[in-house]
Amino acid sequence: MAGDERTREVSRTTLEKVHRLSIAVARGHDAGKLVECEAGHVASVGTAADNDVVLNDDAVSRYHLELAVGPDGIAVRDLGSTNGTFAGNVRVRDAVVPRGSQLRVGATVLLLDAADAPRPAAEGEPELPGMVFASEAMREVARRVRMLAAVSTSVLVHGETGAGKELVARAVHELGPRKARPFVVVDCASIAPTLLEAELFGHEKGAFTGAVRERAGAFERADGGTVFLDEVGELPALAQASLLGVLERKRFRRVGGDKEISVDVRVVSATNRDLRSEVNRGSFRADLYFRLAGARVVVPPLRERPEDVAVLVRHFALEMTGTDALPIAPELLAALAEQHWAGNVRELRSAVERVVAFGASDLGAMLEDAAPAAPRTPSAAPKAKADDAPIERYRDAKANAVAAFEQSYLASIIERCAGNASEAARRAQMDRPYLLALLRRYGLR
C-alpha cells in the first residue's frame, strides 16, 4: 500500500487557540499569585525581580523559563535553568502545551490557562511610526511601545534578525518626550572591541593612533535624546563593564581625557541573542542586563504573524514603485504567508524587490532562498557549444544573475563611499541594516 494511502492527513493541531494567557501559581511559596499577559508578550518566570512572574523558590533559576501565546497553544521554553522545567515527569526544553497544563519548576507548580477574550484595539489607535502590520501580536507590541514611550526607563528589544527591532526602538523615541532630540545608533556588532569605548564615549586628540582630532561619542551626541545600542549582546566583557559604569553614574570621560562629562540620555537596546540564558551561564553581566532591561519588548518573527505579509508586500511595493499593485496572484500571496521567512521582514522585502525587478512568473522563482549561492564568474561558467549541452534551470540562472548584480553593485558603491556603509546606504536609498547584511553575505564587510 502506498504511503499516501496508509497515512491519513489530520489537522496540524487540535489545541484550542489561546488569545490571552493566565499564569497561576498553584503550589509553592507563592501559591495564589496570578499574572495575565496578552498575545505577543513573552512572559518570563524566575527569581530575578524583573521577571513577569517572580518566584521565591531556591530551586528556581534567576531566569528560568519563558511562556508565550503561540499559534498552536502555549509555547514553553526553558532558559537553560539549573533544575529544569517539567510537565508531569517529562523535562521540557522547548514545547507547545494546551491550556490547563501544569508545569513544575523547583517546588513550584504553575497552572497555564486562557484568560478572557483578546482586548480589542482602541478606536483610532495610532500606528507605530515607520511600521506596517495587521496582526494582533504586533498590535500588542504597539500598545507596549506607546506605554513605554511615555516613561524614561531603559528598554531592551528582543527579536530575530530582520524582524524590525530598530524600527521599534525608533518608535519608542519618536512617540516619547525626547523626540525632538537626537536618536543615535551604535551597531555593537560591527565595531572592533578596541574602538567601542571611543565610539560610545568619544576620544581626545592623540588618545590613540589615528585620533587626529577630538570626537564626541554617541552618548555625548545624543544628550537629551536616545542612544540605541543595536546587537548589544555582542559587547565583550570589558565593554560591558565600562557601559555599566556609565549607566550607573550617568557621566563618563572621553578616551584619553580627564574631564567628566554628564549627559541625560535614554538607552534603548536590541539583541537577537537570549541574554537571559547568557546571564544564567555567566557570559553576560547580570547587573548590566538589569540596567538595560528596565522593560522588554519582544518582536515576534514574521512566521508567527502571517496576517502581516500581505500588508507588508503592498507597503514595500508602494515604496519601490509608487503603487501598491504588484503582479502577485492571490494564491501566491497566500503561499508567501505560509513561508518560514528565516530573515523575517528584511527577507520579505528582498523578495518584493525581486518581483519589482524581474516579475513573479512562478512560485519557485518568488520563493527562492534569500541567500543565493556565490555567483558564477564569466570565466567559470561553461559555454554551451552543442545542442545537447545542459541548460541551467531558470530559477538558478536568475539567482546567479541577481547575485552577480548585487555583488558588483555593492562593491562599486562601498568603494565610491570609501567604505562608509552609512553614506552608501543613504546614496543607494537602502536600509543600512539590510545593506550591512548584503555586504557581509558577499564578503565586502
Protein backbone atom coordinates (compact mmCIF):
# COMPACT_ATOMS: atom_id res chain seq x y z
CA MET A 1 0.00 0.00 0.00
CA ALA A 2 1.38 3.42 -0.94
CA GLY A 3 2.41 5.75 1.84
CA ASP A 4 -0.20 8.33 0.95
CA GLU A 5 -2.90 5.61 1.16
CA ARG A 6 -1.77 4.36 4.59
CA THR A 7 -1.42 7.75 6.18
CA ARG A 8 -4.45 9.88 6.89
CA GLU A 9 -3.82 13.61 6.93
CA VAL A 10 -5.13 15.28 10.06
CA SER A 11 -5.19 18.86 11.15
CA ARG A 12 -1.84 20.15 12.38
CA THR A 13 -3.20 20.76 15.85
CA THR A 14 -6.35 20.29 17.85
CA LEU A 15 -5.24 22.68 20.55
CA GLU A 16 -7.72 25.41 21.42
CA LYS A 17 -6.48 28.82 20.35
CA VAL A 18 -5.40 30.97 23.28
CA HIS A 19 -5.68 34.75 22.96
CA ARG A 20 -4.57 35.82 26.42
CA LEU A 21 -2.53 33.78 28.87
CA SER A 22 -3.18 33.27 32.57
CA ILE A 23 -0.25 32.04 34.71
CA ALA A 24 -1.28 30.98 38.19
CA VAL A 25 0.97 29.63 40.95
CA ALA A 26 -0.96 26.56 42.08
CA ARG A 27 1.55 25.24 44.62
CA GLY A 28 4.65 26.56 46.34
CA HIS A 29 5.74 29.55 48.41
CA ASP A 30 3.95 31.97 46.05
CA ALA A 31 0.69 30.00 45.78
CA GLY A 32 -2.17 32.25 44.72
CA LYS A 33 -0.07 34.59 42.58
CA LEU A 34 -1.71 35.27 39.19
CA VAL A 35 -0.32 37.02 36.10
CA GLU A 36 -2.11 37.59 32.79
CA CYS A 37 -0.50 38.64 29.51
CA GLU A 38 -1.65 39.47 26.01
CA ALA A 39 -0.84 37.60 22.81
CA GLY A 40 2.51 38.84 21.55
CA HIS A 41 4.01 39.25 25.01
CA VAL A 42 6.63 36.77 26.22
CA ALA A 43 6.24 36.25 29.96
CA SER A 44 9.32 35.28 31.94
CA VAL A 45 9.40 33.23 35.13
CA GLY A 46 12.25 33.20 37.65
CA THR A 47 13.61 34.63 40.87
CA ALA A 48 15.04 37.87 39.44
CA ALA A 49 12.95 40.92 40.21
CA ASP A 50 12.38 41.90 36.57
CA ASN A 51 10.52 38.69 35.63
CA ASP A 52 6.80 38.83 34.92
CA VAL A 53 6.29 36.01 37.43
CA VAL A 54 8.74 36.40 40.33
CA LEU A 55 9.11 33.25 42.43
CA ASN A 56 10.61 32.79 45.87
CA ASP A 57 11.98 29.30 45.32
CA ASP A 58 15.65 28.41 45.86
CA ALA A 59 15.43 25.68 43.21
CA VAL A 60 14.33 28.14 40.51
CA SER A 61 16.90 29.96 38.37
CA ARG A 62 17.08 33.74 38.04
CA TYR A 63 15.60 33.45 34.54
CA HIS A 64 14.03 30.01 34.48
CA LEU A 65 11.58 29.84 31.58
CA GLU A 66 9.51 31.87 29.15
CA LEU A 67 5.85 31.46 28.24
CA ALA A 68 4.01 32.91 25.26
CA VAL A 69 0.78 32.53 23.34
CA GLY A 70 1.63 30.76 20.10
CA PRO A 71 -0.47 29.90 17.03
CA ASP A 72 -0.91 26.32 18.28
CA GLY A 73 -1.21 26.79 22.04
CA ILE A 74 1.09 27.96 24.83
CA ALA A 75 4.78 27.97 23.95
CA VAL A 76 7.11 26.93 26.78
CA ARG A 77 10.87 27.49 26.60
CA ASP A 78 13.32 26.64 29.37
CA LEU A 79 16.15 29.20 29.57
CA GLY A 80 18.88 26.74 30.47
CA SER A 81 17.71 26.54 34.08
CA THR A 82 19.72 24.56 36.62
CA ASN A 83 16.93 22.26 37.79
CA GLY A 84 14.72 22.14 34.72
CA THR A 85 11.07 22.62 33.79
CA PHE A 86 8.75 19.59 34.00
CA ALA A 87 5.35 18.72 32.57
CA GLY A 88 4.46 15.67 34.62
CA ASN A 89 7.60 13.52 34.64
CA VAL A 90 8.84 14.89 31.31
CA ARG A 91 11.54 17.55 31.28
CA VAL A 92 10.55 20.32 28.86
CA ARG A 93 13.03 22.46 26.99
CA ASP A 94 11.02 23.83 24.07
CA ALA A 95 7.42 22.73 23.59
CA VAL A 96 3.82 23.76 22.94
CA VAL A 97 1.23 22.74 25.53
CA PRO A 98 -2.56 23.12 25.67
CA ARG A 99 -4.47 25.32 28.09
CA GLY A 100 -4.91 23.74 31.50
CA SER A 101 -1.36 22.39 31.54
CA GLN A 102 0.68 22.31 34.76
CA LEU A 103 4.42 22.94 34.86
CA ARG A 104 6.72 22.18 37.78
CA VAL A 105 9.75 24.37 38.45
CA GLY A 106 11.60 23.59 41.67
CA ALA A 107 8.96 23.22 44.38
CA THR A 108 6.52 25.45 42.48
CA VAL A 109 3.66 24.34 40.23
CA LEU A 110 2.34 26.73 37.56
CA LEU A 111 -1.11 26.39 36.02
CA LEU A 112 -1.37 27.72 32.45
CA ASP A 113 -4.77 28.65 31.12
CA ALA A 114 -6.56 31.08 28.84
CA ALA A 115 -7.67 34.42 30.21
CA ASP A 116 -10.64 36.25 28.72
CA ALA A 117 -11.06 37.21 25.07
CA PRO A 118 -8.39 39.31 23.34
CA ARG A 119 -8.52 43.00 24.09
CA PRO A 120 -9.85 44.93 21.06
CA ALA A 121 -7.79 47.69 19.56
CA ALA A 122 -8.77 51.13 20.78
CA GLU A 123 -10.66 53.28 18.29
CA GLY A 124 -8.24 55.42 16.31
CA GLU A 125 -5.23 53.72 17.86
CA PRO A 126 -2.16 55.23 16.12
CA GLU A 127 0.27 53.03 14.22
CA LEU A 128 3.91 52.76 15.16
CA PRO A 129 5.98 55.26 13.15
CA GLY A 130 7.58 53.53 10.18
CA MET A 131 5.90 50.15 10.82
CA VAL A 132 3.09 48.41 8.96
CA PHE A 133 1.13 45.50 10.45
CA ALA A 134 -2.29 43.93 10.78
CA SER A 135 -1.73 41.15 13.34
CA GLU A 136 -2.89 41.15 16.93
CA ALA A 137 0.63 40.23 18.01
CA MET A 138 2.04 43.44 16.54
CA ARG A 139 -0.88 45.48 17.87
CA GLU A 140 0.16 44.28 21.32
CA VAL A 141 3.75 45.35 20.56
CA ALA A 142 2.38 48.75 19.53
CA ARG A 143 0.43 49.10 22.78
CA ARG A 144 3.51 48.26 24.80
CA VAL A 145 5.71 50.67 22.83
CA ARG A 146 3.26 53.54 23.27
CA MET A 147 3.10 52.83 27.00
CA LEU A 148 6.91 52.70 27.37
CA ALA A 149 7.49 55.77 25.19
CA ALA A 150 5.91 57.98 27.83
CA VAL A 151 8.33 56.93 30.60
CA SER A 152 12.10 57.17 30.85
CA THR A 153 13.02 53.59 31.69
CA SER A 154 15.57 51.74 29.58
CA VAL A 155 14.11 49.31 27.05
CA LEU A 156 15.50 46.07 25.63
CA VAL A 157 14.03 45.00 22.28
CA HIS A 158 14.40 41.31 21.54
CA GLY A 159 13.75 39.61 18.22
CA GLU A 160 15.24 37.67 15.37
CA THR A 161 17.39 39.28 12.70
CA GLY A 162 15.27 41.30 10.28
CA ALA A 163 12.15 41.36 12.47
CA GLY A 164 12.16 45.17 12.86
CA LYS A 165 13.92 45.80 16.18
CA GLU A 166 15.43 49.13 15.09
CA LEU A 167 12.03 50.39 13.92
CA VAL A 168 10.56 49.52 17.32
CA ALA A 169 13.43 51.35 19.04
CA ARG A 170 12.87 54.42 16.86
CA ALA A 171 9.15 54.33 17.68
CA VAL A 172 9.94 54.33 21.42
CA HIS A 173 11.98 57.51 20.81
CA GLU A 174 9.62 59.25 18.37
CA LEU A 175 6.49 58.69 20.47
CA GLY A 176 8.14 59.99 23.64
CA PRO A 177 9.07 63.40 25.05
CA ARG A 178 12.64 63.15 23.64
CA LYS A 179 11.51 63.00 20.00
CA ALA A 180 12.93 66.46 19.20
CA ARG A 181 16.39 65.40 20.39
CA PRO A 182 18.88 63.09 18.62
CA PHE A 183 18.45 59.34 18.10
CA VAL A 184 21.98 57.95 17.84
CA VAL A 185 22.60 54.38 16.66
CA VAL A 186 25.60 52.29 17.73
CA ASP A 187 25.97 48.94 15.95
CA CYS A 188 27.82 46.96 18.61
CA ALA A 189 28.38 44.02 16.27
CA SER A 190 30.25 45.98 13.60
CA ILE A 191 32.72 47.91 15.77
CA ALA A 192 36.08 46.46 16.77
CA PRO A 193 36.23 45.84 20.55
CA THR A 194 39.23 48.17 20.85
CA LEU A 195 37.21 51.04 19.38
CA LEU A 196 33.93 50.53 21.21
CA GLU A 197 34.67 52.85 24.10
CA ALA A 198 35.75 55.61 21.72
CA GLU A 199 32.56 55.13 19.71
CA LEU A 200 30.37 55.23 22.81
CA PHE A 201 32.12 57.93 24.85
CA GLY A 202 34.33 59.80 22.37
CA HIS A 203 38.06 60.49 22.45
CA GLU A 204 40.52 63.34 22.75
CA LYS A 205 43.02 64.27 20.08
CA GLY A 206 46.04 61.96 20.24
CA ALA A 207 44.32 59.43 22.55
CA PHE A 208 45.40 56.61 20.22
CA THR A 209 46.87 56.11 16.78
CA GLY A 210 44.56 57.73 14.24
CA ALA A 211 42.88 60.07 16.73
CA VAL A 212 43.88 63.21 14.81
CA ARG A 213 41.15 65.32 16.40
CA GLU A 214 38.80 65.17 19.34
CA ARG A 215 35.46 63.48 18.73
CA ALA A 216 32.25 63.33 20.73
CA GLY A 217 30.92 59.82 21.29
CA ALA A 218 27.39 58.51 20.88
CA PHE A 219 26.33 59.33 24.46
CA GLU A 220 27.54 62.91 24.12
CA ARG A 221 25.92 63.40 20.70
CA ALA A 222 22.61 62.03 21.99
CA ASP A 223 22.39 64.36 25.01
CA GLY A 224 18.71 64.88 25.77
CA GLY A 225 17.74 62.12 23.34
CA THR A 226 18.20 58.38 22.90
CA VAL A 227 21.17 56.07 22.36
CA PHE A 228 20.22 52.90 20.52
CA LEU A 229 22.64 50.02 21.16
CA ASP A 230 21.98 47.57 18.34
CA GLU A 231 23.06 43.95 18.92
CA VAL A 232 24.07 44.77 22.50
CA GLY A 233 24.58 41.07 23.17
CA GLU A 234 27.79 41.25 21.12
CA LEU A 235 29.51 43.52 23.67
CA PRO A 236 32.73 41.97 25.01
CA ALA A 237 33.23 41.67 28.77
CA LEU A 238 35.41 44.80 29.09
CA ALA A 239 32.91 46.95 27.21
CA GLN A 240 30.08 45.57 29.34
CA ALA A 241 31.88 46.79 32.49
CA SER A 242 32.50 50.25 31.01
CA LEU A 243 28.91 50.64 29.85
CA LEU A 244 27.57 49.56 33.23
CA GLY A 245 29.66 52.21 34.99
CA VAL A 246 28.31 54.95 32.72
CA LEU A 247 24.70 53.82 33.13
CA GLU A 248 25.06 53.84 36.92
CA ARG A 249 26.93 57.16 37.26
CA LYS A 250 25.41 58.96 34.23
CA ARG A 251 28.76 60.53 33.47
CA PHE A 252 31.93 59.46 31.72
CA ARG A 253 35.32 60.55 30.42
CA ARG A 254 36.33 60.57 26.79
CA VAL A 255 39.12 58.13 25.93
CA GLY A 256 42.35 59.97 26.72
CA GLY A 257 40.56 62.71 28.65
CA ASP A 258 40.32 63.59 32.34
CA LYS A 259 37.22 65.78 32.32
CA GLU A 260 33.97 64.12 33.41
CA ILE A 261 31.01 64.75 31.12
CA SER A 262 27.43 64.41 32.35
CA VAL A 263 24.63 63.65 29.89
CA ASP A 264 20.93 62.93 30.01
CA VAL A 265 20.15 60.07 27.63
CA ARG A 266 17.68 57.25 27.36
CA VAL A 267 19.14 53.88 26.41
CA VAL A 268 17.25 51.52 24.13
CA SER A 269 18.99 48.26 23.23
CA ALA A 270 18.27 45.41 20.85
CA THR A 271 19.51 41.86 20.51
CA ASN A 272 18.72 38.63 18.72
CA ARG A 273 20.52 36.68 21.43
CA ASP A 274 18.90 35.18 24.51
CA LEU A 275 20.51 37.42 27.14
CA ARG A 276 18.58 35.80 29.99
CA SER A 277 20.12 32.43 29.17
CA GLU A 278 23.53 34.11 28.89
CA VAL A 279 23.03 35.70 32.32
CA ASN A 280 22.29 32.22 33.67
CA ARG A 281 25.51 30.93 32.07
CA GLY A 282 27.54 33.91 33.28
CA SER A 283 28.50 35.12 29.78
CA PHE A 284 26.55 38.39 30.10
CA ARG A 285 26.67 40.54 33.23
CA ALA A 286 23.50 40.27 35.29
CA ASP A 287 23.87 43.82 36.64
CA LEU A 288 24.19 45.24 33.12
CA TYR A 289 21.19 43.24 31.97
CA PHE A 290 19.11 44.71 34.83
CA ARG A 291 20.14 48.21 33.72
CA LEU A 292 19.34 47.62 30.04
CA ALA A 293 16.12 45.66 30.51
CA GLY A 294 14.10 48.07 32.62
CA ALA A 295 11.36 46.91 30.28
CA ARG A 296 11.35 44.39 27.42
CA VAL A 297 9.62 44.41 24.05
CA VAL A 298 9.63 41.14 22.12
CA VAL A 299 9.10 41.46 18.36
CA PRO A 300 7.56 38.21 17.07
CA PRO A 301 9.09 36.68 13.92
CA LEU A 302 7.16 37.09 10.68
CA ARG A 303 6.27 33.38 10.52
CA GLU A 304 4.21 33.85 13.71
CA ARG A 305 2.21 36.73 12.26
CA PRO A 306 1.27 35.70 8.70
CA GLU A 307 -1.51 38.31 8.67
CA ASP A 308 1.21 40.94 8.21
CA VAL A 309 2.65 39.53 4.98
CA ALA A 310 0.06 40.96 2.57
CA VAL A 311 0.12 44.47 4.06
CA LEU A 312 3.92 44.46 4.07
CA VAL A 313 4.05 43.38 0.42
CA ARG A 314 1.74 46.25 -0.54
CA HIS A 315 3.76 48.68 1.60
CA PHE A 316 7.09 47.69 0.02
CA ALA A 317 5.57 47.79 -3.46
CA LEU A 318 4.31 51.33 -2.83
CA GLU A 319 7.77 52.42 -1.63
CA MET A 320 9.52 50.91 -4.63
CA THR A 321 7.11 51.65 -7.47
CA GLY A 322 4.71 54.32 -6.29
CA THR A 323 1.78 51.87 -6.48
CA ASP A 324 0.73 49.04 -4.22
CA ALA A 325 -0.33 46.92 -7.20
CA LEU A 326 2.11 44.08 -7.93
CA PRO A 327 1.63 41.17 -10.37
CA ILE A 328 1.20 38.70 -7.50
CA ALA A 329 -1.72 36.30 -7.75
CA PRO A 330 -3.84 35.76 -4.61
CA GLU A 331 -2.68 32.13 -4.34
CA LEU A 332 0.95 33.28 -4.47
CA LEU A 333 0.29 35.86 -1.75
CA ALA A 334 -1.30 33.12 0.38
CA ALA A 335 1.76 30.93 -0.21
CA LEU A 336 4.04 33.76 0.91
CA ALA A 337 2.18 33.96 4.23
CA GLU A 338 2.99 30.29 4.87
CA GLN A 339 6.74 30.60 4.36
CA HIS A 340 9.21 30.29 7.22
CA TRP A 341 10.93 33.63 6.46
CA ALA A 342 14.18 32.99 8.34
CA GLY A 343 15.21 36.57 7.51
CA ASN A 344 11.81 37.93 8.57
CA VAL A 345 10.60 41.27 7.22
CA ARG A 346 14.00 42.00 5.68
CA GLU A 347 13.84 38.80 3.64
CA LEU A 348 10.29 39.55 2.54
CA ARG A 349 11.39 42.99 1.37
CA SER A 350 14.15 41.39 -0.66
CA ALA A 351 11.59 39.07 -2.27
CA VAL A 352 9.40 42.06 -3.22
CA GLU A 353 12.45 43.79 -4.71
CA ARG A 354 12.96 40.77 -6.94
CA VAL A 355 9.34 40.83 -8.07
CA VAL A 356 9.69 44.52 -8.94
CA ALA A 357 12.90 43.83 -10.87
CA PHE A 358 12.07 40.53 -12.56
CA GLY A 359 8.34 39.83 -12.12
CA ALA A 360 6.65 36.98 -10.28
CA SER A 361 6.46 34.47 -13.13
CA ASP A 362 6.19 31.45 -10.88
CA LEU A 363 6.10 30.49 -7.22
CA GLY A 364 9.52 28.83 -7.28
CA ALA A 365 11.20 31.98 -8.58
CA MET A 366 9.45 34.13 -5.98
CA LEU A 367 10.28 31.91 -3.02
CA GLU A 368 13.91 31.10 -3.81
CA ASP A 369 16.38 31.28 -0.97
CA ALA A 370 17.15 34.83 0.19
CA ALA A 371 20.88 34.00 0.36
CA PRO A 372 21.77 32.66 -3.12
CA ALA A 373 24.91 30.72 -3.75
CA ALA A 374 28.02 32.61 -4.78
CA PRO A 375 27.57 33.87 -8.35
CA ARG A 376 29.31 32.22 -11.20
CA THR A 377 32.01 34.26 -12.80
CA PRO A 378 32.06 34.51 -16.60
CA SER A 379 35.28 32.50 -16.72
CA ALA A 380 33.85 29.73 -14.53
CA ALA A 381 30.54 29.36 -16.37
CA PRO A 382 30.80 26.68 -19.08
CA LYS A 383 29.83 27.78 -22.54
CA ALA A 384 27.25 25.70 -24.37
CA LYS A 385 28.81 24.59 -27.64
CA ALA A 386 26.42 21.81 -28.60
CA ASP A 387 22.69 21.33 -28.76
CA ASP A 388 22.88 18.66 -26.03
CA ALA A 389 24.74 20.91 -23.58
CA PRO A 390 22.89 21.11 -20.25
CA ILE A 391 20.62 24.10 -19.80
CA GLU A 392 20.73 25.80 -16.42
CA ARG A 393 17.41 25.90 -14.60
CA TYR A 394 15.63 29.24 -14.94
CA ARG A 395 15.49 29.89 -11.20
CA ASP A 396 19.20 29.04 -10.78
CA ALA A 397 20.19 31.26 -13.68
CA LYS A 398 18.12 34.10 -12.26
CA ALA A 399 19.55 33.66 -8.76
CA ASN A 400 23.09 33.75 -10.18
CA ALA A 401 22.29 36.86 -12.22
CA VAL A 402 20.79 38.65 -9.21
CA ALA A 403 23.74 37.66 -7.01
CA ALA A 404 26.25 38.81 -9.63
CA PHE A 405 24.46 42.15 -9.92
CA GLU A 406 24.28 42.62 -6.13
CA GLN A 407 27.94 41.80 -5.64
CA SER A 408 29.07 44.14 -8.43
CA TYR A 409 26.77 46.97 -7.35
CA LEU A 410 27.68 46.72 -3.67
CA ALA A 411 31.42 46.56 -4.38
CA SER A 412 31.10 49.70 -6.50
CA ILE A 413 29.10 51.82 -4.07
CA ILE A 414 31.12 50.84 -1.00
CA GLU A 415 34.32 51.74 -2.85
CA ARG A 416 32.91 55.10 -4.00
CA CYS A 417 31.88 55.85 -0.41
CA ALA A 418 35.36 54.97 0.94
CA GLY A 419 33.98 52.07 2.98
CA ASN A 420 31.38 54.20 4.80
CA ALA A 421 28.29 51.97 4.99
CA SER A 422 26.02 54.75 6.30
CA GLU A 423 26.91 57.02 3.37
CA ALA A 424 26.50 54.11 0.94
CA ALA A 425 23.05 53.29 2.34
CA ARG A 426 22.00 56.94 2.08
CA ARG A 427 23.16 57.33 -1.51
CA ALA A 428 21.72 53.98 -2.60
CA GLN A 429 18.47 54.72 -0.71
CA MET A 430 18.70 51.38 1.14
CA ASP A 431 18.10 50.43 4.76
CA ARG A 432 21.52 50.45 6.46
CA PRO A 433 20.99 47.11 8.30
CA TYR A 434 19.96 45.46 5.01
CA LEU A 435 23.00 46.91 3.25
CA LEU A 436 25.30 45.63 6.01
CA ALA A 437 23.75 42.17 5.72
CA LEU A 438 24.37 42.12 1.97
CA LEU A 439 27.96 43.35 2.41
CA ARG A 440 28.64 40.52 4.86
CA ARG A 441 26.98 38.00 2.56
CA TYR A 442 29.37 38.83 -0.29
CA GLY A 443 32.46 39.23 1.88
CA LEU A 444 32.64 43.01 1.42
CA ARG A 445 32.48 43.85 5.13
